[in-house]
Amino acid sequence: MIPKKVIDYYNNSSKDYDFVSKEHQWNSPEIMFGLLFEFVKKDEKMLDLGIGTGQSSIFFQRIGLKIYGIDGSKEMLQECEKKKFTEESKEFDLNQIPFPYDQDKFNHIIANGILYFFKDLEPFFKEAQRMLKNGGTFSFTFENQKKTEKDINKDDHLISERLVEKVGFKVYQHSQDYVENLINKYSFTILKKLDYLAYNSPTEKKDIYFQIYVLRKK
């Protein structure tokens, strides 16, 4: 569950977010676009989960996709709406299931830099499976679990956490086994995956590494 502190952080940083992202080498939007590009077509519909200011999905709008987005931060959405590239954007708590769209509505769903705020990722896979058309893609990033991280539960070695002390909230790391178990459970096929340097954290003063998956709904 995303705590109020996370939403407050993004509301307060929304006006400078795009500038700060570039300053700290947040290249995930370009990486996701490059990996997914060959699987998209003009006029297809894409849902951006945690759209923020629109950094990830705006590239796809520029090549003709129709973009929809949901996010828990009102202020981030306002910055996104200033760019005038979405068909629709909604303020929505991503802890709430179901998401506010019908079954089989989208050709593509992306979640870039959002899943590490959630311990349980299964609702995202379940909802992606529901909202995607057959053959659609689900692309997402997560912070891959490191063996040195402290386990949340001694019986659960697939999920770890760490406290981002400067801002006072936790983020989660998920093992590749955890993610691929969900991929299999919800009948997705892996098209591509990649480990990469996601950004230099301005709050933790260190490099953060992500893993990205591009999946296809069977």
N, C-alpha and C. Protein backbone atom coordinates (compact mmCIF):
# COMPACT_ATOMS: atom_id res chain seq x y z
N MET A 1 0.85 -1.20 0.00
CA MET A 1 0.00 0.00 0.00
C MET A 1 0.88 1.25 0.00
N ILE A 2 0.59 2.19 -0.90
CA ILE A 2 1.36 3.44 -0.93
C ILE A 2 0.92 4.33 0.23
N PRO A 3 1.84 4.69 1.14
CA PRO A 3 1.46 5.56 2.25
C PRO A 3 1.25 6.99 1.78
N LYS A 4 0.54 7.76 2.61
CA LYS A 4 0.27 9.16 2.30
C LYS A 4 1.56 9.94 2.10
N LYS A 5 2.64 9.54 2.80
CA LYS A 5 3.91 10.25 2.67
C LYS A 5 4.43 10.23 1.23
N VAL A 6 4.19 9.12 0.51
CA VAL A 6 4.65 9.02 -0.87
C VAL A 6 3.88 10.00 -1.75
N ILE A 7 2.55 10.00 -1.61
CA ILE A 7 1.72 10.92 -2.39
C ILE A 7 2.09 12.37 -2.09
N ASP A 8 2.29 12.67 -0.80
CA ASP A 8 2.68 14.04 -0.41
C ASP A 8 4.01 14.42 -1.04
N TYR A 9 4.95 13.47 -1.07
CA TYR A 9 6.27 13.73 -1.65
C TYR A 9 6.14 14.11 -3.12
N TYR A 10 5.34 13.35 -3.87
CA TYR A 10 5.19 13.63 -5.30
C TYR A 10 4.34 14.88 -5.55
N ASN A 11 3.35 15.12 -4.72
CA ASN A 11 2.59 16.37 -4.85
C ASN A 11 3.51 17.58 -4.67
N ASN A 12 4.38 17.50 -3.67
CA ASN A 12 5.26 18.62 -3.36
C ASN A 12 6.38 18.80 -4.38
N SER A 13 6.77 17.73 -5.06
CA SER A 13 7.89 17.82 -6.01
C SER A 13 7.43 17.87 -7.47
N SER A 14 6.13 17.96 -7.70
CA SER A 14 5.58 17.81 -9.07
C SER A 14 6.10 18.86 -10.05
N LYS A 15 6.21 20.10 -9.63
CA LYS A 15 6.60 21.16 -10.55
C LYS A 15 8.05 21.04 -11.00
N ASP A 16 8.91 20.45 -10.17
CA ASP A 16 10.32 20.28 -10.51
C ASP A 16 10.65 18.87 -10.95
N TYR A 17 9.65 18.00 -11.00
CA TYR A 17 9.90 16.57 -11.18
C TYR A 17 10.63 16.25 -12.48
N ASP A 18 10.20 16.84 -13.58
CA ASP A 18 10.83 16.53 -14.86
C ASP A 18 12.29 16.97 -14.88
N PHE A 19 12.56 18.14 -14.33
CA PHE A 19 13.94 18.64 -14.29
C PHE A 19 14.81 17.76 -13.41
N VAL A 20 14.32 17.43 -12.21
CA VAL A 20 15.09 16.61 -11.28
C VAL A 20 15.33 15.22 -11.85
N SER A 21 14.35 14.67 -12.56
CA SER A 21 14.50 13.34 -13.18
C SER A 21 15.67 13.32 -14.15
N LYS A 22 15.77 14.34 -14.98
CA LYS A 22 16.87 14.41 -15.93
C LYS A 22 18.20 14.60 -15.21
N GLU A 23 18.18 15.42 -14.18
CA GLU A 23 19.40 15.69 -13.42
C GLU A 23 19.95 14.42 -12.79
N HIS A 24 19.06 13.50 -12.42
CA HIS A 24 19.48 12.27 -11.74
C HIS A 24 19.40 11.05 -12.65
N GLN A 25 19.47 11.31 -13.96
CA GLN A 25 19.67 10.26 -14.97
C GLN A 25 18.56 9.20 -14.98
N TRP A 26 17.31 9.66 -14.82
CA TRP A 26 16.16 8.76 -14.90
C TRP A 26 15.90 8.46 -16.38
N ASN A 27 16.47 7.34 -16.85
CA ASN A 27 16.37 6.97 -18.26
C ASN A 27 15.38 5.84 -18.52
N SER A 28 14.62 5.44 -17.50
CA SER A 28 13.67 4.35 -17.67
C SER A 28 12.63 4.61 -18.77
N PRO A 29 12.12 5.84 -18.93
CA PRO A 29 11.15 6.05 -20.01
C PRO A 29 11.71 5.71 -21.38
N GLU A 30 12.94 6.14 -21.66
CA GLU A 30 13.55 5.85 -22.96
C GLU A 30 13.83 4.35 -23.12
N ILE A 31 14.25 3.71 -22.03
CA ILE A 31 14.54 2.27 -22.08
C ILE A 31 13.27 1.48 -22.35
N MET A 32 12.19 1.83 -21.66
CA MET A 32 10.92 1.13 -21.89
C MET A 32 10.43 1.35 -23.32
N PHE A 33 10.52 2.56 -23.81
CA PHE A 33 10.10 2.85 -25.18
C PHE A 33 10.90 2.03 -26.18
N GLY A 34 12.20 1.97 -25.97
CA GLY A 34 13.05 1.23 -26.91
C GLY A 34 12.75 -0.25 -26.95
N LEU A 35 12.44 -0.84 -25.79
CA LEU A 35 12.16 -2.27 -25.74
C LEU A 35 10.76 -2.60 -26.28
N LEU A 36 9.81 -1.69 -26.09
CA LEU A 36 8.41 -1.97 -26.44
C LEU A 36 8.06 -1.52 -27.85
N PHE A 37 8.86 -0.65 -28.42
CA PHE A 37 8.55 0.02 -29.68
C PHE A 37 8.08 -0.94 -30.78
N GLU A 38 8.75 -2.06 -30.95
CA GLU A 38 8.43 -2.95 -32.07
C GLU A 38 7.08 -3.65 -31.93
N PHE A 39 6.48 -3.59 -30.74
CA PHE A 39 5.23 -4.31 -30.51
C PHE A 39 3.99 -3.40 -30.55
N VAL A 40 4.18 -2.11 -30.81
CA VAL A 40 3.05 -1.18 -30.79
C VAL A 40 2.73 -0.69 -32.19
N LYS A 41 1.45 -0.24 -32.37
CA LYS A 41 0.99 0.28 -33.65
C LYS A 41 0.18 1.55 -33.44
N LYS A 42 0.15 2.39 -34.45
CA LYS A 42 -0.60 3.63 -34.40
C LYS A 42 -2.07 3.36 -34.08
N ASP A 43 -2.64 4.23 -33.27
CA ASP A 43 -4.05 4.21 -32.87
C ASP A 43 -4.39 3.15 -31.82
N GLU A 44 -3.41 2.36 -31.38
CA GLU A 44 -3.68 1.43 -30.29
C GLU A 44 -3.80 2.21 -28.97
N LYS A 45 -4.48 1.61 -28.00
CA LYS A 45 -4.71 2.25 -26.70
C LYS A 45 -3.71 1.73 -25.67
N MET A 46 -3.13 2.66 -24.91
CA MET A 46 -2.17 2.32 -23.87
C MET A 46 -2.61 2.93 -22.54
N LEU A 47 -2.56 2.13 -21.47
CA LEU A 47 -2.81 2.62 -20.12
C LEU A 47 -1.47 2.72 -19.38
N ASP A 48 -1.22 3.88 -18.81
CA ASP A 48 0.00 4.13 -18.03
C ASP A 48 -0.39 4.14 -16.55
N LEU A 49 0.02 3.10 -15.82
CA LEU A 49 -0.25 2.99 -14.39
C LEU A 49 0.79 3.80 -13.61
N GLY A 50 0.34 4.79 -12.85
CA GLY A 50 1.27 5.70 -12.20
C GLY A 50 1.88 6.63 -13.22
N ILE A 51 1.04 7.27 -14.00
CA ILE A 51 1.50 8.07 -15.14
C ILE A 51 2.36 9.26 -14.72
N GLY A 52 2.15 9.77 -13.51
CA GLY A 52 2.94 10.91 -13.05
C GLY A 52 2.81 12.10 -13.99
N THR A 53 3.93 12.65 -14.41
CA THR A 53 3.93 13.79 -15.35
C THR A 53 3.90 13.33 -16.81
N GLY A 54 3.82 12.03 -17.01
CA GLY A 54 3.69 11.52 -18.38
C GLY A 54 4.99 11.19 -19.07
N GLN A 55 6.08 11.10 -18.33
CA GLN A 55 7.39 10.89 -18.95
C GLN A 55 7.47 9.62 -19.77
N SER A 56 6.83 8.55 -19.33
CA SER A 56 6.97 7.26 -20.02
C SER A 56 6.06 7.14 -21.23
N SER A 57 4.82 7.57 -21.10
CA SER A 57 3.86 7.33 -22.18
C SER A 57 3.85 8.39 -23.27
N ILE A 58 4.42 9.56 -23.02
CA ILE A 58 4.41 10.61 -24.04
C ILE A 58 5.15 10.18 -25.30
N PHE A 59 6.17 9.35 -25.17
CA PHE A 59 6.90 8.86 -26.34
C PHE A 59 5.97 8.05 -27.25
N PHE A 60 5.08 7.28 -26.63
CA PHE A 60 4.17 6.44 -27.41
C PHE A 60 3.08 7.28 -28.07
N GLN A 61 2.67 8.35 -27.41
CA GLN A 61 1.70 9.25 -28.05
C GLN A 61 2.30 9.91 -29.28
N ARG A 62 3.57 10.18 -29.24
CA ARG A 62 4.22 10.85 -30.38
C ARG A 62 4.28 9.98 -31.62
N ILE A 63 4.13 8.66 -31.46
CA ILE A 63 4.11 7.77 -32.62
C ILE A 63 2.69 7.26 -32.90
N GLY A 64 1.70 7.91 -32.27
CA GLY A 64 0.33 7.66 -32.68
C GLY A 64 -0.55 6.84 -31.76
N LEU A 65 -0.05 6.46 -30.56
CA LEU A 65 -0.90 5.70 -29.65
C LEU A 65 -1.82 6.64 -28.87
N LYS A 66 -2.94 6.11 -28.42
CA LYS A 66 -3.89 6.86 -27.59
C LYS A 66 -3.61 6.51 -26.13
N ILE A 67 -3.32 7.53 -25.33
CA ILE A 67 -2.81 7.32 -23.97
C ILE A 67 -3.86 7.64 -22.92
N TYR A 68 -3.99 6.70 -21.97
CA TYR A 68 -4.82 6.86 -20.79
C TYR A 68 -3.90 6.70 -19.58
N GLY A 69 -4.19 7.42 -18.49
CA GLY A 69 -3.31 7.31 -17.34
C GLY A 69 -4.05 7.45 -16.03
N ILE A 70 -3.55 6.75 -15.00
CA ILE A 70 -4.06 6.91 -13.65
C ILE A 70 -2.90 7.12 -12.69
N ASP A 71 -3.14 7.91 -11.65
CA ASP A 71 -2.09 8.22 -10.68
C ASP A 71 -2.74 8.70 -9.40
N GLY A 72 -2.07 8.46 -8.27
CA GLY A 72 -2.59 8.89 -6.98
C GLY A 72 -2.27 10.33 -6.63
N SER A 73 -1.40 10.98 -7.39
CA SER A 73 -0.98 12.35 -7.08
C SER A 73 -1.69 13.36 -7.98
N LYS A 74 -2.52 14.17 -7.39
CA LYS A 74 -3.27 15.19 -8.13
C LYS A 74 -2.32 16.19 -8.78
N GLU A 75 -1.28 16.58 -8.05
CA GLU A 75 -0.36 17.59 -8.56
C GLU A 75 0.47 17.06 -9.74
N MET A 76 0.87 15.82 -9.68
CA MET A 76 1.61 15.22 -10.81
C MET A 76 0.71 15.14 -12.04
N LEU A 77 -0.54 14.78 -11.85
CA LEU A 77 -1.48 14.72 -12.98
C LEU A 77 -1.69 16.09 -13.61
N GLN A 78 -1.71 17.11 -12.79
CA GLN A 78 -1.87 18.47 -13.34
C GLN A 78 -0.69 18.84 -14.23
N GLU A 79 0.52 18.43 -13.84
CA GLU A 79 1.68 18.68 -14.69
C GLU A 79 1.58 17.87 -15.98
N CYS A 80 1.09 16.65 -15.87
CA CYS A 80 0.90 15.81 -17.05
C CYS A 80 -0.11 16.43 -18.01
N GLU A 81 -1.22 16.92 -17.46
CA GLU A 81 -2.29 17.47 -18.29
C GLU A 81 -1.86 18.74 -19.03
N LYS A 82 -0.88 19.45 -18.49
CA LYS A 82 -0.35 20.64 -19.18
C LYS A 82 0.29 20.27 -20.52
N LYS A 83 0.75 19.03 -20.66
CA LYS A 83 1.40 18.59 -21.90
C LYS A 83 0.40 18.20 -22.98
N LYS A 84 -0.86 18.03 -22.60
CA LYS A 84 -1.97 17.83 -23.54
C LYS A 84 -1.73 16.68 -24.52
N PHE A 85 -1.39 15.51 -23.99
CA PHE A 85 -1.17 14.38 -24.89
C PHE A 85 -2.02 13.16 -24.56
N THR A 86 -2.77 13.20 -23.44
CA THR A 86 -3.55 12.04 -23.05
C THR A 86 -4.99 12.14 -23.55
N GLU A 87 -5.58 10.98 -23.82
CA GLU A 87 -7.01 10.92 -24.09
C GLU A 87 -7.79 11.14 -22.79
N GLU A 88 -7.22 10.65 -21.70
CA GLU A 88 -7.88 10.74 -20.40
C GLU A 88 -6.86 10.46 -19.30
N SER A 89 -6.93 11.21 -18.22
CA SER A 89 -6.12 10.92 -17.04
C SER A 89 -7.02 11.02 -15.82
N LYS A 90 -6.81 10.12 -14.87
CA LYS A 90 -7.67 10.04 -13.69
C LYS A 90 -6.83 10.00 -12.43
N GLU A 91 -7.28 10.74 -11.42
CA GLU A 91 -6.70 10.59 -10.10
C GLU A 91 -7.32 9.34 -9.48
N PHE A 92 -6.48 8.39 -9.12
CA PHE A 92 -6.98 7.10 -8.65
C PHE A 92 -5.96 6.46 -7.72
N ASP A 93 -6.43 5.91 -6.62
CA ASP A 93 -5.59 5.22 -5.66
C ASP A 93 -5.26 3.83 -6.19
N LEU A 94 -4.00 3.59 -6.51
CA LEU A 94 -3.60 2.31 -7.10
C LEU A 94 -3.69 1.14 -6.12
N ASN A 95 -3.99 1.44 -4.86
CA ASN A 95 -4.26 0.36 -3.91
C ASN A 95 -5.67 -0.22 -4.10
N GLN A 96 -6.52 0.51 -4.82
CA GLN A 96 -7.91 0.10 -4.99
C GLN A 96 -8.06 -0.82 -6.21
N ILE A 97 -8.74 -1.92 -6.01
CA ILE A 97 -9.01 -2.88 -7.07
C ILE A 97 -10.52 -3.07 -7.16
N PRO A 98 -11.10 -3.08 -8.37
CA PRO A 98 -10.42 -3.04 -9.67
C PRO A 98 -10.04 -1.62 -10.08
N PHE A 99 -9.14 -1.53 -11.07
CA PHE A 99 -8.83 -0.24 -11.66
C PHE A 99 -10.02 0.22 -12.50
N PRO A 100 -10.13 1.52 -12.76
CA PRO A 100 -11.37 2.08 -13.30
C PRO A 100 -11.54 1.95 -14.83
N TYR A 101 -11.26 0.76 -15.36
CA TYR A 101 -11.44 0.53 -16.80
C TYR A 101 -12.00 -0.85 -17.05
N ASP A 102 -12.69 -0.99 -18.18
CA ASP A 102 -13.38 -2.22 -18.52
C ASP A 102 -12.41 -3.32 -18.97
N GLN A 103 -12.92 -4.52 -19.00
CA GLN A 103 -12.19 -5.68 -19.50
C GLN A 103 -11.87 -5.50 -20.99
N ASP A 104 -10.69 -5.98 -21.40
CA ASP A 104 -10.29 -6.00 -22.82
C ASP A 104 -10.29 -4.62 -23.47
N LYS A 105 -9.94 -3.58 -22.72
CA LYS A 105 -9.98 -2.22 -23.26
C LYS A 105 -8.69 -1.80 -23.94
N PHE A 106 -7.53 -2.30 -23.44
CA PHE A 106 -6.25 -1.76 -23.88
C PHE A 106 -5.42 -2.76 -24.68
N ASN A 107 -4.63 -2.20 -25.59
CA ASN A 107 -3.64 -3.00 -26.32
C ASN A 107 -2.34 -3.12 -25.53
N HIS A 108 -2.06 -2.11 -24.69
CA HIS A 108 -0.80 -2.07 -23.96
C HIS A 108 -1.02 -1.44 -22.59
N ILE A 109 -0.31 -1.96 -21.59
CA ILE A 109 -0.29 -1.37 -20.25
C ILE A 109 1.17 -1.26 -19.82
N ILE A 110 1.54 -0.10 -19.27
CA ILE A 110 2.89 0.08 -18.75
C ILE A 110 2.83 0.53 -17.30
N ALA A 111 3.86 0.16 -16.54
CA ALA A 111 4.00 0.58 -15.13
C ALA A 111 5.48 0.82 -14.90
N ASN A 112 5.91 2.06 -14.99
CA ASN A 112 7.33 2.39 -14.95
C ASN A 112 7.65 3.15 -13.66
N GLY A 113 8.48 2.54 -12.81
CA GLY A 113 8.90 3.22 -11.59
C GLY A 113 7.80 3.32 -10.54
N ILE A 114 6.85 2.41 -10.56
CA ILE A 114 5.75 2.47 -9.60
C ILE A 114 5.66 1.23 -8.72
N LEU A 115 6.03 0.05 -9.25
CA LEU A 115 5.78 -1.20 -8.53
C LEU A 115 6.60 -1.33 -7.26
N TYR A 116 7.72 -0.61 -7.17
CA TYR A 116 8.54 -0.77 -5.96
C TYR A 116 7.95 -0.08 -4.73
N PHE A 117 6.80 0.57 -4.89
CA PHE A 117 6.06 1.09 -3.74
C PHE A 117 5.09 0.06 -3.16
N PHE A 118 4.98 -1.10 -3.78
CA PHE A 118 3.99 -2.10 -3.39
C PHE A 118 4.68 -3.41 -3.00
N LYS A 119 4.27 -3.96 -1.86
CA LYS A 119 4.78 -5.27 -1.47
C LYS A 119 4.18 -6.36 -2.34
N ASP A 120 2.86 -6.33 -2.51
CA ASP A 120 2.13 -7.37 -3.24
C ASP A 120 1.87 -6.89 -4.67
N LEU A 121 2.48 -7.54 -5.64
CA LEU A 121 2.31 -7.15 -7.04
C LEU A 121 1.20 -7.91 -7.76
N GLU A 122 0.64 -8.91 -7.10
CA GLU A 122 -0.35 -9.74 -7.78
C GLU A 122 -1.55 -8.94 -8.31
N PRO A 123 -2.08 -7.94 -7.59
CA PRO A 123 -3.21 -7.19 -8.15
C PRO A 123 -2.90 -6.53 -9.49
N PHE A 124 -1.65 -6.12 -9.71
CA PHE A 124 -1.28 -5.50 -10.98
C PHE A 124 -1.34 -6.52 -12.12
N PHE A 125 -0.87 -7.73 -11.86
CA PHE A 125 -0.93 -8.77 -12.88
C PHE A 125 -2.37 -9.19 -13.17
N LYS A 126 -3.15 -9.31 -12.13
CA LYS A 126 -4.56 -9.69 -12.28
C LYS A 126 -5.31 -8.65 -13.09
N GLU A 127 -5.11 -7.38 -12.78
CA GLU A 127 -5.80 -6.31 -13.48
C GLU A 127 -5.28 -6.13 -14.91
N ALA A 128 -3.98 -6.31 -15.11
CA ALA A 128 -3.45 -6.24 -16.47
C ALA A 128 -4.06 -7.33 -17.34
N GLN A 129 -4.16 -8.53 -16.79
CA GLN A 129 -4.77 -9.64 -17.53
C GLN A 129 -6.23 -9.31 -17.88
N ARG A 130 -6.93 -8.68 -16.97
CA ARG A 130 -8.34 -8.34 -17.20
C ARG A 130 -8.52 -7.23 -18.24
N MET A 131 -7.70 -6.18 -18.15
CA MET A 131 -7.91 -5.00 -18.99
C MET A 131 -7.30 -5.11 -20.38
N LEU A 132 -6.35 -6.03 -20.56
CA LEU A 132 -5.69 -6.16 -21.86
C LEU A 132 -6.51 -6.98 -22.84
N LYS A 133 -6.44 -6.57 -24.10
CA LYS A 133 -6.96 -7.40 -25.18
C LYS A 133 -6.05 -8.61 -25.36
N ASN A 134 -6.55 -9.66 -25.96
CA ASN A 134 -5.70 -10.82 -26.27
C ASN A 134 -4.53 -10.40 -27.14
N GLY A 135 -3.34 -10.83 -26.79
CA GLY A 135 -2.15 -10.45 -27.53
C GLY A 135 -1.56 -9.13 -27.11
N GLY A 136 -2.21 -8.44 -26.14
CA GLY A 136 -1.69 -7.16 -25.66
C GLY A 136 -0.45 -7.32 -24.81
N THR A 137 0.25 -6.21 -24.55
CA THR A 137 1.50 -6.26 -23.79
C THR A 137 1.36 -5.58 -22.43
N PHE A 138 2.08 -6.12 -21.47
CA PHE A 138 2.21 -5.54 -20.14
C PHE A 138 3.70 -5.36 -19.87
N SER A 139 4.13 -4.12 -19.72
CA SER A 139 5.55 -3.81 -19.51
C SER A 139 5.70 -3.07 -18.18
N PHE A 140 6.67 -3.48 -17.39
CA PHE A 140 6.81 -2.90 -16.06
C PHE A 140 8.27 -2.98 -15.60
N THR A 141 8.59 -2.12 -14.65
CA THR A 141 9.90 -2.14 -14.01
C THR A 141 9.71 -2.45 -12.53
N PHE A 142 10.73 -3.05 -11.93
CA PHE A 142 10.73 -3.28 -10.49
C PHE A 142 12.18 -3.28 -10.01
N GLU A 143 12.35 -3.05 -8.73
CA GLU A 143 13.69 -3.11 -8.15
C GLU A 143 13.98 -4.55 -7.76
N ASN A 144 14.95 -5.14 -8.43
CA ASN A 144 15.25 -6.55 -8.21
C ASN A 144 15.85 -6.74 -6.82
N GLN A 145 15.41 -7.77 -6.14
CA GLN A 145 15.85 -8.05 -4.78
C GLN A 145 17.35 -8.35 -4.73
N LYS A 146 18.00 -7.77 -3.76
CA LYS A 146 19.42 -8.05 -3.52
C LYS A 146 19.54 -8.95 -2.29
N LYS A 147 20.46 -9.86 -2.31
CA LYS A 147 20.60 -10.83 -1.22
C LYS A 147 20.95 -10.18 0.11
N THR A 148 21.50 -8.99 0.06
CA THR A 148 21.91 -8.33 1.30
C THR A 148 20.75 -7.62 1.99
N GLU A 149 19.60 -7.48 1.31
CA GLU A 149 18.48 -6.77 1.91
C GLU A 149 17.86 -7.61 3.03
N LYS A 150 17.30 -6.95 4.02
CA LYS A 150 16.65 -7.63 5.14
C LYS A 150 15.27 -8.13 4.72
N ASP A 151 14.99 -9.41 4.95
CA ASP A 151 13.68 -9.97 4.61
C ASP A 151 12.59 -9.35 5.48
N ILE A 152 11.43 -9.10 4.86
CA ILE A 152 10.26 -8.65 5.62
C ILE A 152 9.80 -9.76 6.55
N ASN A 153 9.81 -10.98 6.05
CA ASN A 153 9.35 -12.14 6.80
C ASN A 153 10.39 -13.25 6.61
N LYS A 154 10.82 -13.87 7.68
CA LYS A 154 11.86 -14.89 7.57
C LYS A 154 11.43 -16.07 6.70
N ASP A 155 10.11 -16.27 6.58
CA ASP A 155 9.60 -17.36 5.76
C ASP A 155 9.39 -16.94 4.31
N ASP A 156 9.60 -15.66 4.03
CA ASP A 156 9.35 -15.13 2.68
C ASP A 156 10.64 -14.49 2.18
N HIS A 157 11.37 -15.21 1.33
CA HIS A 157 12.65 -14.71 0.84
C HIS A 157 12.53 -14.10 -0.56
N LEU A 158 11.29 -13.86 -0.99
CA LEU A 158 11.06 -13.35 -2.34
C LEU A 158 10.86 -11.83 -2.36
N ILE A 159 10.60 -11.24 -1.21
CA ILE A 159 10.32 -9.81 -1.13
C ILE A 159 11.14 -9.20 0.01
N SER A 160 11.78 -8.08 -0.26
CA SER A 160 12.56 -7.37 0.76
C SER A 160 12.12 -5.92 0.79
N GLU A 161 12.55 -5.21 1.81
CA GLU A 161 12.19 -3.80 1.92
C GLU A 161 13.38 -2.98 2.38
N ARG A 162 13.31 -1.68 2.13
CA ARG A 162 14.27 -0.78 2.75
C ARG A 162 13.58 0.56 2.99
N LEU A 163 14.02 1.25 4.01
CA LEU A 163 13.47 2.54 4.35
C LEU A 163 14.26 3.64 3.66
N VAL A 164 13.56 4.50 2.95
CA VAL A 164 14.19 5.69 2.36
C VAL A 164 14.11 6.76 3.44
N GLU A 165 15.16 6.87 4.22
CA GLU A 165 15.11 7.62 5.47
C GLU A 165 14.83 9.11 5.27
N LYS A 166 15.37 9.69 4.24
CA LYS A 166 15.22 11.14 4.05
C LYS A 166 13.77 11.55 3.88
N VAL A 167 12.96 10.67 3.26
CA VAL A 167 11.56 11.00 3.03
C VAL A 167 10.61 10.17 3.88
N GLY A 168 11.14 9.16 4.59
CA GLY A 168 10.36 8.45 5.59
C GLY A 168 9.37 7.42 5.08
N PHE A 169 9.63 6.85 3.90
CA PHE A 169 8.76 5.76 3.46
C PHE A 169 9.59 4.59 2.94
N LYS A 170 8.93 3.43 2.82
CA LYS A 170 9.60 2.21 2.39
C LYS A 170 9.41 1.97 0.91
N VAL A 171 10.38 1.28 0.31
CA VAL A 171 10.23 0.72 -1.03
C VAL A 171 10.56 -0.77 -0.93
N TYR A 172 10.10 -1.50 -1.93
CA TYR A 172 10.22 -2.96 -1.90
C TYR A 172 11.04 -3.48 -3.07
N GLN A 173 11.76 -4.56 -2.80
CA GLN A 173 12.48 -5.28 -3.83
C GLN A 173 11.83 -6.65 -3.99
N HIS A 174 11.66 -7.09 -5.24
CA HIS A 174 11.03 -8.37 -5.53
C HIS A 174 12.01 -9.25 -6.30
N SER A 175 12.05 -10.51 -5.93
CA SER A 175 12.95 -11.42 -6.62
C SER A 175 12.41 -11.76 -8.00
N GLN A 176 13.31 -12.19 -8.86
CA GLN A 176 12.90 -12.62 -10.20
C GLN A 176 11.98 -13.84 -10.11
N ASP A 177 12.21 -14.72 -9.14
CA ASP A 177 11.33 -15.87 -8.96
C ASP A 177 9.91 -15.43 -8.63
N TYR A 178 9.79 -14.44 -7.74
CA TYR A 178 8.47 -13.93 -7.37
C TYR A 178 7.73 -13.40 -8.61
N VAL A 179 8.42 -12.59 -9.39
CA VAL A 179 7.81 -11.98 -10.57
C VAL A 179 7.45 -13.05 -11.61
N GLU A 180 8.34 -13.98 -11.85
CA GLU A 180 8.06 -14.97 -12.89
C GLU A 180 7.00 -15.98 -12.46
N ASN A 181 6.83 -16.19 -11.16
CA ASN A 181 5.69 -16.99 -10.70
C ASN A 181 4.37 -16.32 -11.06
N LEU A 182 4.31 -14.99 -10.92
CA LEU A 182 3.11 -14.25 -11.29
C LEU A 182 2.91 -14.25 -12.80
N ILE A 183 3.98 -14.14 -13.54
CA ILE A 183 3.90 -14.18 -15.01
C ILE A 183 3.25 -15.49 -15.46
N ASN A 184 3.68 -16.58 -14.87
CA ASN A 184 3.13 -17.89 -15.23
C ASN A 184 1.69 -18.04 -14.74
N LYS A 185 1.41 -17.58 -13.53
CA LYS A 185 0.06 -17.72 -12.97
C LYS A 185 -0.97 -17.01 -13.82
N TYR A 186 -0.62 -15.85 -14.37
CA TYR A 186 -1.58 -15.05 -15.13
C TYR A 186 -1.39 -15.18 -16.64
N SER A 187 -0.69 -16.21 -17.05
CA SER A 187 -0.61 -16.62 -18.46
C SER A 187 -0.06 -15.54 -19.38
N PHE A 188 1.05 -14.95 -18.97
CA PHE A 188 1.79 -14.04 -19.83
C PHE A 188 3.01 -14.76 -20.41
N THR A 189 3.45 -14.30 -21.57
CA THR A 189 4.68 -14.77 -22.19
C THR A 189 5.72 -13.66 -22.12
N ILE A 190 6.95 -14.01 -21.76
CA ILE A 190 8.02 -13.01 -21.71
C ILE A 190 8.54 -12.73 -23.11
N LEU A 191 8.47 -11.47 -23.53
CA LEU A 191 9.02 -11.05 -24.82
C LEU A 191 10.45 -10.54 -24.66
N LYS A 192 10.67 -9.75 -23.61
CA LYS A 192 12.01 -9.19 -23.35
C LYS A 192 12.16 -8.94 -21.86
N LYS A 193 13.42 -8.95 -21.39
CA LYS A 193 13.72 -8.51 -20.03
C LYS A 193 15.14 -7.97 -19.99
N LEU A 194 15.38 -7.07 -19.06
CA LEU A 194 16.67 -6.38 -19.02
C LEU A 194 16.93 -5.85 -17.62
N ASP A 195 18.16 -6.01 -17.13
CA ASP A 195 18.63 -5.35 -15.92
C ASP A 195 19.36 -4.07 -16.33
N TYR A 196 19.15 -2.98 -15.58
CA TYR A 196 19.78 -1.73 -15.98
C TYR A 196 19.87 -0.76 -14.81
N LEU A 197 20.73 0.24 -14.96
CA LEU A 197 20.83 1.33 -14.00
C LEU A 197 19.66 2.29 -14.25
N ALA A 198 18.75 2.38 -13.28
CA ALA A 198 17.54 3.17 -13.48
C ALA A 198 17.75 4.66 -13.24
N TYR A 199 18.43 5.01 -12.13
CA TYR A 199 18.64 6.42 -11.82
C TYR A 199 19.59 6.53 -10.62
N ASN A 200 20.08 7.73 -10.40
CA ASN A 200 20.84 8.04 -9.20
C ASN A 200 19.89 8.71 -8.22
N SER A 201 19.60 8.05 -7.11
CA SER A 201 18.58 8.52 -6.17
C SER A 201 19.00 9.82 -5.50
N PRO A 202 18.19 10.89 -5.64
CA PRO A 202 18.51 12.15 -4.96
C PRO A 202 18.28 12.09 -3.46
N THR A 203 17.46 11.13 -3.00
CA THR A 203 17.18 11.01 -1.57
C THR A 203 18.12 10.05 -0.87
N GLU A 204 18.64 9.03 -1.62
CA GLU A 204 19.52 8.04 -1.00
C GLU A 204 20.99 8.19 -1.40
N LYS A 205 21.23 9.05 -2.39
CA LYS A 205 22.60 9.32 -2.83
C LYS A 205 23.32 8.06 -3.29
N LYS A 206 22.62 7.25 -4.09
CA LYS A 206 23.24 6.05 -4.64
C LYS A 206 22.52 5.64 -5.92
N ASP A 207 23.16 4.79 -6.72
CA ASP A 207 22.54 4.28 -7.94
C ASP A 207 21.51 3.21 -7.61
N ILE A 208 20.37 3.27 -8.30
CA ILE A 208 19.29 2.30 -8.12
C ILE A 208 19.15 1.50 -9.41
N TYR A 209 19.15 0.19 -9.28
CA TYR A 209 19.06 -0.70 -10.43
C TYR A 209 17.67 -1.33 -10.51
N PHE A 210 17.12 -1.34 -11.71
CA PHE A 210 15.81 -1.94 -11.95
C PHE A 210 15.94 -3.12 -12.91
N GLN A 211 14.88 -3.89 -12.98
CA GLN A 211 14.71 -4.89 -14.03
C GLN A 211 13.42 -4.56 -14.75
N ILE A 212 13.41 -4.72 -16.06
CA ILE A 212 12.23 -4.45 -16.86
C ILE A 212 11.81 -5.72 -17.59
N TYR A 213 10.50 -5.94 -17.63
CA TYR A 213 9.93 -7.04 -18.38
C TYR A 213 8.93 -6.50 -19.41
N VAL A 214 8.93 -7.06 -20.59
CA VAL A 214 7.90 -6.83 -21.59
C VAL A 214 7.19 -8.17 -21.79
N LEU A 215 5.90 -8.21 -21.48
CA LEU A 215 5.13 -9.45 -21.53
C LEU A 215 4.03 -9.36 -22.58
N ARG A 216 3.57 -10.50 -23.03
CA ARG A 216 2.41 -10.57 -23.93
C ARG A 216 1.33 -11.43 -23.28
N LYS A 217 0.09 -10.96 -23.33
CA LYS A 217 -1.05 -11.74 -22.85
C LYS A 217 -1.34 -12.87 -23.84
N LYS A 218 -1.39 -14.08 -23.34
CA LYS A 218 -1.64 -15.24 -24.21
C LYS A 218 -3.09 -15.25 -24.69
